């Protein structure tokens, strides 16, 4: 697991550091982006194993980032977990329509987030081995 790279896309630095701390402690390699454009650039350049993506971001919002990632042949297989304060049924529906693999609302439990990440990474590894 030590080589598993997760891109954290979050513009609130306190939340970003909380997520990064918990993922680093769990043995993941983390990379961060504070804006939607930077998230797209980093995802294309570094091909993370999973992306945690906020919706309310400067430059390009998380929904558009997700759609761009999921329609790009080079990034479409990267699991994207929306991690956002936008919790209405319509927001959740939009997230899944844009291609999100999962949707977690803030406030969140770091332990629940880690379980969700592990489930998606396990699923991705199984699918990779089958192809």
Protein backbone atom coordinates (compact mmCIF):
# COMPACT_ATOMS: atom_id res chain seq x y z
CA UNK A 1 0.00 0.00 0.00
CA UNK A 2 2.94 2.36 0.53
CA UNK A 3 3.02 3.18 -3.18
CA UNK A 4 -0.70 3.98 -3.36
CA UNK A 5 -1.06 7.65 -4.34
CA UNK A 6 -4.12 9.71 -3.49
CA UNK A 7 -4.78 13.20 -4.83
CA UNK A 8 -6.65 15.38 -2.32
CA UNK A 9 -8.47 18.29 -3.95
CA UNK A 10 -9.67 20.72 -1.29
CA UNK A 11 -9.45 24.51 -1.05
CA UNK A 12 -9.96 24.72 2.73
CA UNK A 13 -6.47 24.27 4.13
CA UNK A 14 -7.61 22.99 7.57
CA UNK A 15 -9.74 20.27 5.97
CA UNK A 16 -6.96 19.47 3.51
CA UNK A 17 -4.46 19.01 6.34
CA UNK A 18 -6.87 16.82 8.34
CA UNK A 19 -7.38 14.53 5.35
CA UNK A 20 -3.68 14.49 4.48
CA UNK A 21 -2.70 13.69 8.07
CA UNK A 22 -5.07 10.72 8.24
CA UNK A 23 -4.05 9.35 4.84
CA UNK A 24 -0.33 9.76 5.55
CA UNK A 25 -0.82 8.00 8.90
CA UNK A 26 -2.57 5.14 7.07
CA UNK A 27 0.44 4.75 4.77
CA UNK A 28 -0.79 6.43 1.61
CA UNK A 29 1.29 8.79 -0.51
CA UNK A 30 -0.63 12.05 -0.80
CA UNK A 31 -0.59 14.87 -3.28
CA UNK A 32 -2.75 17.99 -2.96
CA UNK A 33 -4.43 20.57 -5.15
CA UNK A 34 -6.19 23.74 -4.00
CA UNK A 35 -7.96 24.52 -7.30
CA UNK A 36 -9.90 22.63 -9.94
CA UNK A 37 -7.39 23.43 -12.68
CA UNK A 38 -4.46 22.27 -10.58
CA UNK A 39 -6.38 19.06 -9.81
CA UNK A 40 -6.83 18.32 -13.51
CA UNK A 41 -3.17 19.04 -14.24
CA UNK A 42 -1.92 16.85 -11.38
CA UNK A 43 -4.31 14.01 -12.20
CA UNK A 44 -3.11 13.91 -15.80
CA UNK A 45 0.58 14.26 -14.88
CA UNK A 46 0.85 11.95 -11.90
CA UNK A 47 -2.01 9.45 -12.45
CA UNK A 48 -3.02 8.96 -8.79
CA UNK A 49 -4.68 5.73 -7.70
CA UNK A 50 -7.68 7.62 -6.28
CA UNK A 51 -8.92 11.22 -6.09
CA UNK A 52 -10.77 12.88 -3.20
CA UNK A 53 -12.58 15.84 -4.73
CA UNK A 54 -14.39 18.79 -3.18
CA UNK A 55 -17.12 20.45 -5.26
CA UNK A 56 -16.72 24.11 -4.28
CA UNK A 57 -13.32 24.97 -5.74
CA UNK A 58 -11.77 28.05 -7.31
CA UNK A 59 -11.34 28.21 -11.12
CA UNK A 60 -13.18 25.01 -12.06
CA UNK A 61 -15.71 23.44 -9.69
CA UNK A 62 -15.40 19.82 -8.61
CA UNK A 63 -18.32 18.65 -10.74
CA UNK A 64 -16.61 19.89 -13.90
CA UNK A 65 -13.29 18.45 -12.74
CA UNK A 66 -14.95 15.08 -12.20
CA UNK A 67 -16.62 15.17 -15.62
CA UNK A 68 -13.33 16.09 -17.31
CA UNK A 69 -11.50 13.29 -15.52
CA UNK A 70 -14.14 10.69 -16.35
CA UNK A 71 -14.29 11.66 -20.04
CA UNK A 72 -10.50 11.66 -20.50
CA UNK A 73 -9.14 8.29 -21.66
CA UNK A 74 -6.03 8.75 -19.50
CA UNK A 75 -7.88 9.41 -16.22
CA UNK A 76 -11.32 7.80 -16.58
CA UNK A 77 -10.38 4.67 -14.59
CA UNK A 78 -9.22 6.64 -11.53
CA UNK A 79 -11.84 6.33 -8.75
CA UNK A 80 -13.21 9.73 -7.73
CA UNK A 81 -14.78 10.20 -4.31
CA UNK A 82 -16.61 13.50 -3.92
CA UNK A 83 -15.95 14.87 -0.42
CA UNK A 84 -18.09 17.95 0.02
CA UNK A 85 -20.39 20.03 2.21
CA UNK A 86 -23.01 20.00 -0.56
CA UNK A 87 -25.38 17.39 0.81
CA UNK A 88 -28.76 17.86 -0.87
CA UNK A 89 -30.21 15.00 -2.87
CA UNK A 90 -29.78 17.07 -6.04
CA UNK A 91 -26.09 17.69 -5.27
CA UNK A 92 -25.47 13.98 -4.70
CA UNK A 93 -27.32 13.12 -7.92
CA UNK A 94 -25.25 15.67 -9.89
CA UNK A 95 -22.04 14.21 -8.46
CA UNK A 96 -22.93 10.73 -9.67
CA UNK A 97 -24.13 12.07 -13.03
CA UNK A 98 -20.71 13.69 -13.54
CA UNK A 99 -19.07 10.30 -12.96
CA UNK A 100 -18.24 10.23 -9.24
CA UNK A 101 -17.63 6.75 -7.89
CA UNK A 102 -18.77 7.73 -4.40
CA UNK A 103 -20.06 10.75 -2.49
CA UNK A 104 -19.23 11.61 1.13
CA UNK A 105 -20.63 14.69 2.84
CA UNK A 106 -18.88 16.91 5.38
CA UNK A 107 -18.57 16.65 8.27
CA UNK A 108 -17.15 13.15 7.84
CA UNK A 109 -15.46 10.55 9.97
CA UNK A 110 -11.81 10.02 9.01
CA UNK A 111 -12.25 6.31 9.75
CA UNK A 112 -15.27 6.07 7.42
CA UNK A 113 -13.30 7.90 4.74
CA UNK A 114 -10.42 5.41 5.05
CA UNK A 115 -12.82 2.45 4.79
CA UNK A 116 -14.40 3.98 1.67
CA UNK A 117 -10.98 4.61 0.10
CA UNK A 118 -9.85 1.06 0.80
CA UNK A 119 -13.04 -0.37 -0.72
CA UNK A 120 -12.54 1.59 -3.94
CA UNK A 121 -8.85 0.73 -4.17
CA UNK A 122 -9.62 -2.97 -3.62
CA UNK A 123 -12.28 -2.87 -6.33
CA UNK A 124 -9.87 -1.09 -8.69
CA UNK A 125 -7.16 -3.70 -8.03
CA UNK A 126 -9.57 -6.57 -8.71
CA UNK A 127 -10.72 -4.96 -11.99
CA UNK A 128 -7.11 -4.34 -13.04
CA UNK A 129 -6.17 -7.98 -12.45
CA UNK A 130 -9.16 -9.18 -14.49
CA UNK A 131 -8.08 -7.23 -17.59
